[in-house]
PDBML (XML) file of the C-alpha atoms, coordinates in Angstrom:
<?xml version="1.0" encoding="UTF-8" ?>
<PDBx:datablock datablockName="MODEL"
   xmlns:PDBx="http://pdbml.pdb.org/schema/pdbx-v50.xsd"
   xmlns:xsi="http://www.w3.org/2001/XMLSchema-instance"
   xsi:schemaLocation="http://pdbml.pdb.org/schema/pdbx-v50.xsd pdbx-v50.xsd">
   <PDBx:atom_siteCategory>
      <PDBx:atom_site id="1">
         <PDBx:B_iso_or_equiv>0.00</PDBx:B_iso_or_equiv>
         <PDBx:Cartn_x>-0.004</PDBx:Cartn_x>
         <PDBx:Cartn_y>-0.019</PDBx:Cartn_y>
         <PDBx:Cartn_z>-0.003</PDBx:Cartn_z>
         <PDBx:auth_asym_id>A</PDBx:auth_asym_id>
         <PDBx:auth_atom_id>CA</PDBx:auth_atom_id>
         <PDBx:auth_comp_id>UNK</PDBx:auth_comp_id>
         <PDBx:auth_seq_id>1</PDBx:auth_seq_id>
         <PDBx:group_PDB>ATOM</PDBx:group_PDB>
         <PDBx:label_alt_id xsi:nil="true" />
         <PDBx:label_asym_id>A</PDBx:label_asym_id>
         <PDBx:label_atom_id>CA</PDBx:label_atom_id>
         <PDBx:label_comp_id>UNK</PDBx:label_comp_id>
         <PDBx:label_entity_id>1</PDBx:label_entity_id>
         <PDBx:label_seq_id>1</PDBx:label_seq_id>
         <PDBx:occupancy>1.00</PDBx:occupancy>
         <PDBx:pdbx_PDB_model_num>1</PDBx:pdbx_PDB_model_num>
         <PDBx:type_symbol>C</PDBx:type_symbol>
      </PDBx:atom_site>
      <PDBx:atom_site id="2">
         <PDBx:B_iso_or_equiv>0.00</PDBx:B_iso_or_equiv>
         <PDBx:Cartn_x>3.043</PDBx:Cartn_x>
         <PDBx:Cartn_y>2.284</PDBx:Cartn_y>
         <PDBx:Cartn_z>0.236</PDBx:Cartn_z>
         <PDBx:auth_asym_id>A</PDBx:auth_asym_id>
         <PDBx:auth_atom_id>CA</PDBx:auth_atom_id>
         <PDBx:auth_comp_id>UNK</PDBx:auth_comp_id>
         <PDBx:auth_seq_id>2</PDBx:auth_seq_id>
         <PDBx:group_PDB>ATOM</PDBx:group_PDB>
         <PDBx:label_alt_id xsi:nil="true" />
         <PDBx:label_asym_id>A</PDBx:label_asym_id>
         <PDBx:label_atom_id>CA</PDBx:label_atom_id>
         <PDBx:label_comp_id>UNK</PDBx:label_comp_id>
         <PDBx:label_entity_id>1</PDBx:label_entity_id>
         <PDBx:label_seq_id>2</PDBx:label_seq_id>
         <PDBx:occupancy>1.00</PDBx:occupancy>
         <PDBx:pdbx_PDB_model_num>1</PDBx:pdbx_PDB_model_num>
         <PDBx:type_symbol>C</PDBx:type_symbol>
      </PDBx:atom_site>
      <PDBx:atom_site id="3">
         <PDBx:B_iso_or_equiv>0.00</PDBx:B_iso_or_equiv>
         <PDBx:Cartn_x>4.768</PDBx:Cartn_x>
         <PDBx:Cartn_y>4.027</PDBx:Cartn_y>
         <PDBx:Cartn_z>-2.662</PDBx:Cartn_z>
         <PDBx:auth_asym_id>A</PDBx:auth_asym_id>
         <PDBx:auth_atom_id>CA</PDBx:auth_atom_id>
         <PDBx:auth_comp_id>UNK</PDBx:auth_comp_id>
         <PDBx:auth_seq_id>3</PDBx:auth_seq_id>
         <PDBx:group_PDB>ATOM</PDBx:group_PDB>
         <PDBx:label_alt_id xsi:nil="true" />
         <PDBx:label_asym_id>A</PDBx:label_asym_id>
         <PDBx:label_atom_id>CA</PDBx:label_atom_id>
         <PDBx:label_comp_id>UNK</PDBx:label_comp_id>
         <PDBx:label_entity_id>1</PDBx:label_entity_id>
         <PDBx:label_seq_id>3</PDBx:label_seq_id>
         <PDBx:occupancy>1.00</PDBx:occupancy>
         <PDBx:pdbx_PDB_model_num>1</PDBx:pdbx_PDB_model_num>
         <PDBx:type_symbol>C</PDBx:type_symbol>
      </PDBx:atom_site>
      <PDBx:atom_site id="4">
         <PDBx:B_iso_or_equiv>0.00</PDBx:B_iso_or_equiv>
         <PDBx:Cartn_x>7.957</PDBx:Cartn_x>
         <PDBx:Cartn_y>6.123</PDBx:Cartn_y>
         <PDBx:Cartn_z>-2.850</PDBx:Cartn_z>
         <PDBx:auth_asym_id>A</PDBx:auth_asym_id>
         <PDBx:auth_atom_id>CA</PDBx:auth_atom_id>
         <PDBx:auth_comp_id>UNK</PDBx:auth_comp_id>
         <PDBx:auth_seq_id>4</PDBx:auth_seq_id>
         <PDBx:group_PDB>ATOM</PDBx:group_PDB>
         <PDBx:label_alt_id xsi:nil="true" />
         <PDBx:label_asym_id>A</PDBx:label_asym_id>
         <PDBx:label_atom_id>CA</PDBx:label_atom_id>
         <PDBx:label_comp_id>UNK</PDBx:label_comp_id>
         <PDBx:label_entity_id>1</PDBx:label_entity_id>
         <PDBx:label_seq_id>4</PDBx:label_seq_id>
         <PDBx:occupancy>1.00</PDBx:occupancy>
         <PDBx:pdbx_PDB_model_num>1</PDBx:pdbx_PDB_model_num>
         <PDBx:type_symbol>C</PDBx:type_symbol>
      </PDBx:atom_site>
      <PDBx:atom_site id="5">
         <PDBx:B_iso_or_equiv>0.00</PDBx:B_iso_or_equiv>
         <PDBx:Cartn_x>7.908</PDBx:Cartn_x>
         <PDBx:Cartn_y>9.423</PDBx:Cartn_y>
         <PDBx:Cartn_z>-4.644</PDBx:Cartn_z>
         <PDBx:auth_asym_id>A</PDBx:auth_asym_id>
         <PDBx:auth_atom_id>CA</PDBx:auth_atom_id>
         <PDBx:auth_comp_id>UNK</PDBx:auth_comp_id>
         <PDBx:auth_seq_id>5</PDBx:auth_seq_id>
         <PDBx:group_PDB>ATOM</PDBx:group_PDB>
         <PDBx:label_alt_id xsi:nil="true" />
         <PDBx:label_asym_id>A</PDBx:label_asym_id>
         <PDBx:label_atom_id>CA</PDBx:label_atom_id>
         <PDBx:label_comp_id>UNK</PDBx:label_comp_id>
         <PDBx:label_entity_id>1</PDBx:label_entity_id>
         <PDBx:label_seq_id>5</PDBx:label_seq_id>
         <PDBx:occupancy>1.00</PDBx:occupancy>
         <PDBx:pdbx_PDB_model_num>1</PDBx:pdbx_PDB_model_num>
         <PDBx:type_symbol>C</PDBx:type_symbol>
      </PDBx:atom_site>
      <PDBx:atom_site id="6">
         <PDBx:B_iso_or_equiv>0.00</PDBx:B_iso_or_equiv>
         <PDBx:Cartn_x>10.233</PDBx:Cartn_x>
         <PDBx:Cartn_y>9.178</PDBx:Cartn_y>
         <PDBx:Cartn_z>-7.541</PDBx:Cartn_z>
         <PDBx:auth_asym_id>A</PDBx:auth_asym_id>
         <PDBx:auth_atom_id>CA</PDBx:auth_atom_id>
         <PDBx:auth_comp_id>UNK</PDBx:auth_comp_id>
         <PDBx:auth_seq_id>6</PDBx:auth_seq_id>
         <PDBx:group_PDB>ATOM</PDBx:group_PDB>
         <PDBx:label_alt_id xsi:nil="true" />
         <PDBx:label_asym_id>A</PDBx:label_asym_id>
         <PDBx:label_atom_id>CA</PDBx:label_atom_id>
         <PDBx:label_comp_id>UNK</PDBx:label_comp_id>
         <PDBx:label_entity_id>1</PDBx:label_entity_id>
         <PDBx:label_seq_id>6</PDBx:label_seq_id>
         <PDBx:occupancy>1.00</PDBx:occupancy>
         <PDBx:pdbx_PDB_model_num>1</PDBx:pdbx_PDB_model_num>
         <PDBx:type_symbol>C</PDBx:type_symbol>
      </PDBx:atom_site>
      <PDBx:atom_site id="7">
         <PDBx:B_iso_or_equiv>0.00</PDBx:B_iso_or_equiv>
         <PDBx:Cartn_x>13.251</PDBx:Cartn_x>
         <PDBx:Cartn_y>11.410</PDBx:Cartn_y>
         <PDBx:Cartn_z>-7.918</PDBx:Cartn_z>
         <PDBx:auth_asym_id>A</PDBx:auth_asym_id>
         <PDBx:auth_atom_id>CA</PDBx:auth_atom_id>
         <PDBx:auth_comp_id>UNK</PDBx:auth_comp_id>
         <PDBx:auth_seq_id>7</PDBx:auth_seq_id>
         <PDBx:group_PDB>ATOM</PDBx:group_PDB>
         <PDBx:label_alt_id xsi:nil="true" />
         <PDBx:label_asym_id>A</PDBx:label_asym_id>
         <PDBx:label_atom_id>CA</PDBx:label_atom_id>
         <PDBx:label_comp_id>UNK</PDBx:label_comp_id>
         <PDBx:label_entity_id>1</PDBx:label_entity_id>
         <PDBx:label_seq_id>7</PDBx:label_seq_id>
         <PDBx:occupancy>1.00</PDBx:occupancy>
         <PDBx:pdbx_PDB_model_num>1</PDBx:pdbx_PDB_model_num>
         <PDBx:type_symbol>C</PDBx:type_symbol>
      </PDBx:atom_site>
      <PDBx:atom_site id="8">
         <PDBx:B_iso_or_equiv>0.00</PDBx:B_iso_or_equiv>
         <PDBx:Cartn_x>12.587</PDBx:Cartn_x>
         <PDBx:Cartn_y>14.569</PDBx:Cartn_y>
         <PDBx:Cartn_z>-9.850</PDBx:Cartn_z>
         <PDBx:auth_asym_id>A</PDBx:auth_asym_id>
         <PDBx:auth_atom_id>CA</PDBx:auth_atom_id>
         <PDBx:auth_comp_id>UNK</PDBx:auth_comp_id>
         <PDBx:auth_seq_id>8</PDBx:auth_seq_id>
         <PDBx:group_PDB>ATOM</PDBx:group_PDB>
         <PDBx:label_alt_id xsi:nil="true" />
         <PDBx:label_asym_id>A</PDBx:label_asym_id>
         <PDBx:label_atom_id>CA</PDBx:label_atom_id>
         <PDBx:label_comp_id>UNK</PDBx:label_comp_id>
         <PDBx:label_entity_id>1</PDBx:label_entity_id>
         <PDBx:label_seq_id>8</PDBx:label_seq_id>
         <PDBx:occupancy>1.00</PDBx:occupancy>
         <PDBx:pdbx_PDB_model_num>1</PDBx:pdbx_PDB_model_num>
         <PDBx:type_symbol>C</PDBx:type_symbol>
      </PDBx:atom_site>
      <PDBx:atom_site id="9">
         <PDBx:B_iso_or_equiv>0.00</PDBx:B_iso_or_equiv>
         <PDBx:Cartn_x>8.839</PDBx:Cartn_x>
         <PDBx:Cartn_y>14.394</PDBx:Cartn_y>
         <PDBx:Cartn_z>-9.136</PDBx:Cartn_z>
         <PDBx:auth_asym_id>A</PDBx:auth_asym_id>
         <PDBx:auth_atom_id>CA</PDBx:auth_atom_id>
         <PDBx:auth_comp_id>UNK</PDBx:auth_comp_id>
         <PDBx:auth_seq_id>9</PDBx:auth_seq_id>
         <PDBx:group_PDB>ATOM</PDBx:group_PDB>
         <PDBx:label_alt_id xsi:nil="true" />
         <PDBx:label_asym_id>A</PDBx:label_asym_id>
         <PDBx:label_atom_id>CA</PDBx:label_atom_id>
         <PDBx:label_comp_id>UNK</PDBx:label_comp_id>
         <PDBx:label_entity_id>1</PDBx:label_entity_id>
         <PDBx:label_seq_id>9</PDBx:label_seq_id>
         <PDBx:occupancy>1.00</PDBx:occupancy>
         <PDBx:pdbx_PDB_model_num>1</PDBx:pdbx_PDB_model_num>
         <PDBx:type_symbol>C</PDBx:type_symbol>
      </PDBx:atom_site>
      <PDBx:atom_site id="10">
         <PDBx:B_iso_or_equiv>0.00</PDBx:B_iso_or_equiv>
         <PDBx:Cartn_x>6.237</PDBx:Cartn_x>
         <PDBx:Cartn_y>16.129</PDBx:Cartn_y>
         <PDBx:Cartn_z>-6.938</PDBx:Cartn_z>
         <PDBx:auth_asym_id>A</PDBx:auth_asym_id>
         <PDBx:auth_atom_id>CA</PDBx:auth_atom_id>
         <PDBx:auth_comp_id>UNK</PDBx:auth_comp_id>
         <PDBx:auth_seq_id>10</PDBx:auth_seq_id>
         <PDBx:group_PDB>ATOM</PDBx:group_PDB>
         <PDBx:label_alt_id xsi:nil="true" />
         <PDBx:label_asym_id>A</PDBx:label_asym_id>
         <PDBx:label_atom_id>CA</PDBx:label_atom_id>
         <PDBx:label_comp_id>UNK</PDBx:label_comp_id>
         <PDBx:label_entity_id>1</PDBx:label_entity_id>
         <PDBx:label_seq_id>10</PDBx:label_seq_id>
         <PDBx:occupancy>1.00</PDBx:occupancy>
         <PDBx:pdbx_PDB_model_num>1</PDBx:pdbx_PDB_model_num>
         <PDBx:type_symbol>C</PDBx:type_symbol>
      </PDBx:atom_site>
      <PDBx:atom_site id="11">
         <PDBx:B_iso_or_equiv>0.00</PDBx:B_iso_or_equiv>
         <PDBx:Cartn_x>2.708</PDBx:Cartn_x>
         <PDBx:Cartn_y>15.409</PDBx:Cartn_y>
         <PDBx:Cartn_z>-5.977</PDBx:Cartn_z>
         <PDBx:auth_asym_id>A</PDBx:auth_asym_id>
         <PDBx:auth_atom_id>CA</PDBx:auth_atom_id>
         <PDBx:auth_comp_id>UNK</PDBx:auth_comp_id>
         <PDBx:auth_seq_id>11</PDBx:auth_seq_id>
         <PDBx:group_PDB>ATOM</PDBx:group_PDB>
         <PDBx:label_alt_id xsi:nil="true" />
         <PDBx:label_asym_id>A</PDBx:label_asym_id>
         <PDBx:label_atom_id>CA</PDBx:label_atom_id>
         <PDBx:label_comp_id>UNK</PDBx:label_comp_id>
         <PDBx:label_entity_id>1</PDBx:label_entity_id>
         <PDBx:label_seq_id>11</PDBx:label_seq_id>
         <PDBx:occupancy>1.00</PDBx:occupancy>
         <PDBx:pdbx_PDB_model_num>1</PDBx:pdbx_PDB_model_num>
         <PDBx:type_symbol>C</PDBx:type_symbol>
      </PDBx:atom_site>
      <PDBx:atom_site id="12">
         <PDBx:B_iso_or_equiv>0.00</PDBx:B_iso_or_equiv>
         <PDBx:Cartn_x>0.106</PDBx:Cartn_x>
         <PDBx:Cartn_y>18.166</PDBx:Cartn_y>
         <PDBx:Cartn_z>-6.007</PDBx:Cartn_z>
         <PDBx:auth_asym_id>A</PDBx:auth_asym_id>
         <PDBx:auth_atom_id>CA</PDBx:auth_atom_id>
         <PDBx:auth_comp_id>UNK</PDBx:auth_comp_id>
         <PDBx:auth_seq_id>12</PDBx:auth_seq_id>
         <PDBx:group_PDB>ATOM</PDBx:group_PDB>
         <PDBx:label_alt_id xsi:nil="true" />
         <PDBx:label_asym_id>A</PDBx:label_asym_id>
         <PDBx:label_atom_id>CA</PDBx:label_atom_id>
         <PDBx:label_comp_id>UNK</PDBx:label_comp_id>
         <PDBx:label_entity_id>1</PDBx:label_entity_id>
         <PDBx:label_seq_id>12</PDBx:label_seq_id>
         <PDBx:occupancy>1.00</PDBx:occupancy>
         <PDBx:pdbx_PDB_model_num>1</PDBx:pdbx_PDB_model_num>
         <PDBx:type_symbol>C</PDBx:type_symbol>
      </PDBx:atom_site>
      <PDBx:atom_site id="13">
         <PDBx:B_iso_or_equiv>0.00</PDBx:B_iso_or_equiv>
         <PDBx:Cartn_x>-3.041</PDBx:Cartn_x>
         <PDBx:Cartn_y>17.613</PDBx:Cartn_y>
         <PDBx:Cartn_z>-4.074</PDBx:Cartn_z>
         <PDBx:auth_asym_id>A</PDBx:auth_asym_id>
         <PDBx:auth_atom_id>CA</PDBx:auth_atom_id>
         <PDBx:auth_comp_id>UNK</PDBx:auth_comp_id>
         <PDBx:auth_seq_id>13</PDBx:auth_seq_id>
         <PDBx:group_PDB>ATOM</PDBx:group_PDB>
         <PDBx:label_alt_id xsi:nil="true" />
         <PDBx:label_asym_id>A</PDBx:label_asym_id>
         <PDBx:label_atom_id>CA</PDBx:label_atom_id>
         <PDBx:label_comp_id>UNK</PDBx:label_comp_id>
         <PDBx:label_entity_id>1</PDBx:label_entity_id>
         <PDBx:label_seq_id>13</PDBx:label_seq_id>
         <PDBx:occupancy>1.00</PDBx:occupancy>
         <PDBx:pdbx_PDB_model_num>1</PDBx:pdbx_PDB_model_num>
         <PDBx:type_symbol>C</PDBx:type_symbol>
      </PDBx:atom_site>
      <PDBx:atom_site id="14">
         <PDBx:B_iso_or_equiv>0.00</PDBx:B_iso_or_equiv>
         <PDBx:Cartn_x>-6.038</PDBx:Cartn_x>
         <PDBx:Cartn_y>19.875</PDBx:Cartn_y>
         <PDBx:Cartn_z>-4.868</PDBx:Cartn_z>
         <PDBx:auth_asym_id>A</PDBx:auth_asym_id>
         <PDBx:auth_atom_id>CA</PDBx:auth_atom_id>
         <PDBx:auth_comp_id>UNK</PDBx:auth_comp_id>
         <PDBx:auth_seq_id>14</PDBx:auth_seq_id>
         <PDBx:group_PDB>ATOM</PDBx:group_PDB>
         <PDBx:label_alt_id xsi:nil="true" />
         <PDBx:label_asym_id>A</PDBx:label_asym_id>
         <PDBx:label_atom_id>CA</PDBx:label_atom_id>
         <PDBx:label_comp_id>UNK</PDBx:label_comp_id>
         <PDBx:label_entity_id>1</PDBx:label_entity_id>
         <PDBx:label_seq_id>14</PDBx:label_seq_id>
         <PDBx:occupancy>1.00</PDBx:occupancy>
         <PDBx:pdbx_PDB_model_num>1</PDBx:pdbx_PDB_model_num>
         <PDBx:type_symbol>C</PDBx:type_symbol>
      </PDBx:atom_site>
      <PDBx:atom_site id="15">
         <PDBx:B_iso_or_equiv>0.00</PDBx:B_iso_or_equiv>
         <PDBx:Cartn_x>-8.022</PDBx:Cartn_x>
         <PDBx:Cartn_y>19.911</PDBx:Cartn_y>
         <PDBx:Cartn_z>-1.640</PDBx:Cartn_z>
         <PDBx:auth_asym_id>A</PDBx:auth_asym_id>
         <PDBx:auth_atom_id>CA</PDBx:auth_atom_id>
         <PDBx:auth_comp_id>UNK</PDBx:auth_comp_id>
         <PDBx:auth_seq_id>15</PDBx:auth_seq_id>
         <PDBx:group_PDB>ATOM</PDBx:group_PDB>
         <PDBx:label_alt_id xsi:nil="true" />
         <PDBx:label_asym_id>A</PDBx:label_asym_id>
         <PDBx:label_atom_id>CA</PDBx:label_atom_id>
         <PDBx:label_comp_id>UNK</PDBx:label_comp_id>
         <PDBx:label_entity_id>1</PDBx:label_entity_id>
         <PDBx:label_seq_id>15</PDBx:label_seq_id>
         <PDBx:occupancy>1.00</PDBx:occupancy>
         <PDBx:pdbx_PDB_model_num>1</PDBx:pdbx_PDB_model_num>
         <PDBx:type_symbol>C</PDBx:type_symbol>
      </PDBx:atom_site>
      <PDBx:atom_site id="16">
         <PDBx:B_iso_or_equiv>0.00</PDBx:B_iso_or_equiv>
         <PDBx:Cartn_x>-11.096</PDBx:Cartn_x>
         <PDBx:Cartn_y>21.419</PDBx:Cartn_y>
         <PDBx:Cartn_z>-3.212</PDBx:Cartn_z>
         <PDBx:auth_asym_id>A</PDBx:auth_asym_id>
         <PDBx:auth_atom_id>CA</PDBx:auth_atom_id>
         <PDBx:auth_comp_id>UNK</PDBx:auth_comp_id>
         <PDBx:auth_seq_id>16</PDBx:auth_seq_id>
         <PDBx:group_PDB>ATOM</PDBx:group_PDB>
         <PDBx:label_alt_id xsi:nil="true" />
         <PDBx:label_asym_id>A</PDBx:label_asym_id>
         <PDBx:label_atom_id>CA</PDBx:label_atom_id>
         <PDBx:label_comp_id>UNK</PDBx:label_comp_id>
         <PDBx:label_entity_id>1</PDBx:label_entity_id>
         <PDBx:label_seq_id>16</PDBx:label_seq_id>
         <PDBx:occupancy>1.00</PDBx:occupancy>
         <PDBx:pdbx_PDB_model_num>1</PDBx:pdbx_PDB_model_num>
         <PDBx:type_symbol>C</PDBx:type_symbol>
      </PDBx:atom_site>
      <PDBx:atom_site id="17">
         <PDBx:B_iso_or_equiv>0.00</PDBx:B_iso_or_equiv>
         <PDBx:Cartn_x>-11.397</PDBx:Cartn_x>
         <PDBx:Cartn_y>18.806</PDBx:Cartn_y>
         <PDBx:Cartn_z>-6.030</PDBx:Cartn_z>
         <PDBx:auth_asym_id>A</PDBx:auth_asym_id>
         <PDBx:auth_atom_id>CA</PDBx:auth_atom_id>
         <PDBx:auth_comp_id>UNK</PDBx:auth_comp_id>
         <PDBx:auth_seq_id>17</PDBx:auth_seq_id>
         <PDBx:group_PDB>ATOM</PDBx:group_PDB>
         <PDBx:label_alt_id xsi:nil="true" />
         <PDBx:label_asym_id>A</PDBx:label_asym_id>
         <PDBx:label_atom_id>CA</PDBx:label_atom_id>
         <PDBx:label_comp_id>UNK</PDBx:label_comp_id>
         <PDBx:label_entity_id>1</PDBx:label_entity_id>
         <PDBx:label_seq_id>17</PDBx:label_seq_id>
         <PDBx:occupancy>1.00</PDBx:occupancy>
         <PDBx:pdbx_PDB_model_num>1</PDBx:pdbx_PDB_model_num>
         <PDBx:type_symbol>C</PDBx:type_symbol>
      </PDBx:atom_site>
      <PDBx:atom_site id="18">
         <PDBx:B_iso_or_equiv>0.00</PDBx:B_iso_or_equiv>
         <PDBx:Cartn_x>-9.829</PDBx:Cartn_x>
         <PDBx:Cartn_y>15.984</PDBx:Cartn_y>
         <PDBx:Cartn_z>-3.959</PDBx:Cartn_z>
         <PDBx:auth_asym_id>A</PDBx:auth_asym_id>
         <PDBx:auth_atom_id>CA</PDBx:auth_atom_id>
         <PDBx:auth_comp_id>UNK</PDBx:auth_comp_id>
         <PDBx:auth_seq_id>18</PDBx:auth_seq_id>
         <PDBx:group_PDB>ATOM</PDBx:group_PDB>
         <PDBx:label_alt_id xsi:nil="true" />
         <PDBx:label_asym_id>A</PDBx:label_asym_id>
         <PDBx:label_atom_id>CA</PDBx:label_atom_id>
         <PDBx:label_comp_id>UNK</PDBx:label_comp_id>
         <PDBx:label_entity_id>1</PDBx:label_entity_id>
         <PDBx:label_seq_id>18</PDBx:label_seq_id>
         <PDBx:occupancy>1.00</PDBx:occupancy>
         <PDBx:pdbx_PDB_model_num>1</PDBx:pdbx_PDB_model_num>
         <PDBx:type_symbol>C</PDBx:type_symbol>
      </PDBx:atom_site>
      <PDBx:atom_site id="19">
         <PDBx:B_iso_or_equiv>0.00</PDBx:B_iso_or_equiv>
         <PDBx:Cartn_x>-7.458</PDBx:Cartn_x>
         <PDBx:Cartn_y>15.279</PDBx:Cartn_y>
         <PDBx:Cartn_z>-6.949</PDBx:Cartn_z>
         <PDBx:auth_asym_id>A</PDBx:auth_asym_id>
         <PDBx:auth_atom_id>CA</PDBx:auth_atom_id>
         <PDBx:auth_comp_id>UNK</PDBx:auth_comp_id>
         <PDBx:auth_seq_id>19</PDBx:auth_seq_id>
         <PDBx:group_PDB>ATOM</PDBx:group_PDB>
         <PDBx:label_alt_id xsi:nil="true" />
         <PDBx:label_asym_id>A</PDBx:label_asym_id>
         <PDBx:label_atom_id>CA</PDBx:label_atom_id>
         <PDBx:label_comp_id>UNK</PDBx:label_comp_id>
         <PDBx:label_entity_id>1</PDBx:label_entity_id>
         <PDBx:label_seq_id>19</PDBx:label_seq_id>
         <PDBx:occupancy>1.00</PDBx:occupancy>
         <PDBx:pdbx_PDB_model_num>1</PDBx:pdbx_PDB_model_num>
         <PDBx:type_symbol>C</PDBx:type_symbol>
      </PDBx:atom_site>
      <PDBx:atom_site id="20">
         <PDBx:B_iso_or_equiv>0.00</PDBx:B_iso_or_equiv>
         <PDBx:Cartn_x>-3.829</PDBx:Cartn_x>
         <PDBx:Cartn_y>14.022</PDBx:Cartn_y>
         <PDBx:Cartn_z>-6.634</PDBx:Cartn_z>
         <PDBx:auth_asym_id>A</PDBx:auth_asym_id>
         <PDBx:auth_atom_id>CA</PDBx:auth_atom_id>
         <PDBx:auth_comp_id>UNK</PDBx:auth_comp_id>
         <PDBx:auth_seq_id>20</PDBx:auth_seq_id>
         <PDBx:group_PDB>ATOM</PDBx:group_PDB>
         <PDBx:label_alt_id xsi:nil="true" />
         <PDBx:label_asym_id>A</PDBx:label_asym_id>
         <PDBx:label_atom_id>CA</PDBx:label_atom_id>
         <PDBx:label_comp_id>UNK</PDBx:label_comp_id>
         <PDBx:label_entity_id>1</PDBx:label_entity_id>
         <PDBx:label_seq_id>20</PDBx:label_seq_id>
         <PDBx:occupancy>1.00</PDBx:occupancy>
         <PDBx:pdbx_PDB_model_num>1</PDBx:pdbx_PDB_model_num>
         <PDBx:type_symbol>C</PDBx:type_symbol>
      </PDBx:atom_site>
      <PDBx:atom_site id="21">
         <PDBx:B_iso_or_equiv>0.00</PDBx:B_iso_or_equiv>
         <PDBx:Cartn_x>-1.555</PDBx:Cartn_x>
         <PDBx:Cartn_y>14.590</PDBx:Cartn_y>
         <PDBx:Cartn_z>-9.611</PDBx:Cartn_z>
         <PDBx:auth_asym_id>A</PDBx:auth_asym_id>
         <PDBx:auth_atom_id>CA</PDBx:auth_atom_id>
         <PDBx:auth_comp_id>UNK</PDBx:auth_comp_id>
         <PDBx:auth_seq_id>21</PDBx:auth_seq_id>
         <PDBx:group_PDB>ATOM</PDBx:group_PDB>
         <PDBx:label_alt_id xsi:nil="true" />
         <PDBx:label_asym_id>A</PDBx:label_asym_id>
         <PDBx:label_atom_id>CA</PDBx:label_atom_id>
         <PDBx:label_comp_id>UNK</PDBx:label_comp_id>
         <PDBx:label_entity_id>1</PDBx:label_entity_id>
         <PDBx:label_seq_id>21</PDBx:label_seq_id>
         <PDBx:occupancy>1.00</PDBx:occupancy>
         <PDBx:pdbx_PDB_model_num>1</PDBx:pdbx_PDB_model_num>
         <PDBx:type_symbol>C</PDBx:type_symbol>
      </PDBx:atom_site>
      <PDBx:atom_site id="22">
         <PDBx:B_iso_or_equiv>0.00</PDBx:B_iso_or_equiv>
         <PDBx:Cartn_x>2.096</PDBx:Cartn_x>
         <PDBx:Cartn_y>13.449</PDBx:Cartn_y>
         <PDBx:Cartn_z>-9.924</PDBx:Cartn_z>
         <PDBx:auth_asym_id>A</PDBx:auth_asym_id>
         <PDBx:auth_atom_id>CA</PDBx:auth_atom_id>
         <PDBx:auth_comp_id>UNK</PDBx:auth_comp_id>
         <PDBx:auth_seq_id>22</PDBx:auth_seq_id>
         <PDBx:group_PDB>ATOM</PDBx:group_PDB>
         <PDBx:label_alt_id xsi:nil="true" />
         <PDBx:label_asym_id>A</PDBx:label_asym_id>
         <PDBx:label_atom_id>CA</PDBx:label_atom_id>
         <PDBx:label_comp_id>UNK</PDBx:label_comp_id>
         <PDBx:label_entity_id>1</PDBx:label_entity_id>
         <PDBx:label_seq_id>22</PDBx:label_seq_id>
         <PDBx:occupancy>1.00</PDBx:occupancy>
         <PDBx:pdbx_PDB_model_num>1</PDBx:pdbx_PDB_model_num>
         <PDBx:type_symbol>C</PDBx:type_symbol>
      </PDBx:atom_site>
      <PDBx:atom_site id="23">
         <PDBx:B_iso_or_equiv>0.00</PDBx:B_iso_or_equiv>
         <PDBx:Cartn_x>4.309</PDBx:Cartn_x>
         <PDBx:Cartn_y>15.680</PDBx:Cartn_y>
         <PDBx:Cartn_z>-12.008</PDBx:Cartn_z>
         <PDBx:auth_asym_id>A</PDBx:auth_asym_id>
         <PDBx:auth_atom_id>CA</PDBx:auth_atom_id>
         <PDBx:auth_comp_id>UNK</PDBx:auth_comp_id>
         <PDBx:auth_seq_id>23</PDBx:auth_seq_id>
         <PDBx:group_PDB>ATOM</PDBx:group_PDB>
         <PDBx:label_alt_id xsi:nil="true" />
         <PDBx:label_asym_id>A</PDBx:label_asym_id>
         <PDBx:label_atom_id>CA</PDBx:label_atom_id>
         <PDBx:label_comp_id>UNK</PDBx:label_comp_id>
         <PDBx:label_entity_id>1</PDBx:label_entity_id>
         <PDBx:label_seq_id>23</PDBx:label_seq_id>
         <PDBx:occupancy>1.00</PDBx:occupancy>
         <PDBx:pdbx_PDB_model_num>1</PDBx:pdbx_PDB_model_num>
         <PDBx:type_symbol>C</PDBx:type_symbol>
      </PDBx:atom_site>
      <PDBx:atom_site id="24">
         <PDBx:B_iso_or_equiv>0.00</PDBx:B_iso_or_equiv>
         <PDBx:Cartn_x>7.833</PDBx:Cartn_x>
         <PDBx:Cartn_y>15.049</PDBx:Cartn_y>
         <PDBx:Cartn_z>-13.347</PDBx:Cartn_z>
         <PDBx:auth_asym_id>A</PDBx:auth_asym_id>
         <PDBx:auth_atom_id>CA</PDBx:auth_atom_id>
         <PDBx:auth_comp_id>UNK</PDBx:auth_comp_id>
         <PDBx:auth_seq_id>24</PDBx:auth_seq_id>
         <PDBx:group_PDB>ATOM</PDBx:group_PDB>
         <PDBx:label_alt_id xsi:nil="true" />
         <PDBx:label_asym_id>A</PDBx:label_asym_id>
         <PDBx:label_atom_id>CA</PDBx:label_atom_id>
         <PDBx:label_comp_id>UNK</PDBx:label_comp_id>
         <PDBx:label_entity_id>1</PDBx:label_entity_id>
         <PDBx:label_seq_id>24</PDBx:label_seq_id>
         <PDBx:occupancy>1.00</PDBx:occupancy>
         <PDBx:pdbx_PDB_model_num>1</PDBx:pdbx_PDB_model_num>
         <PDBx:type_symbol>C</PDBx:type_symbol>
      </PDBx:atom_site>
   </PDBx:atom_siteCategory>
</PDBx:datablock>
């Protein structure tokens, strides 16, 4: 159930839309 955030990436969480997006 646990992932590691990859190098050179970030997660952005939109708390209003409840969306999680991973960006390189």
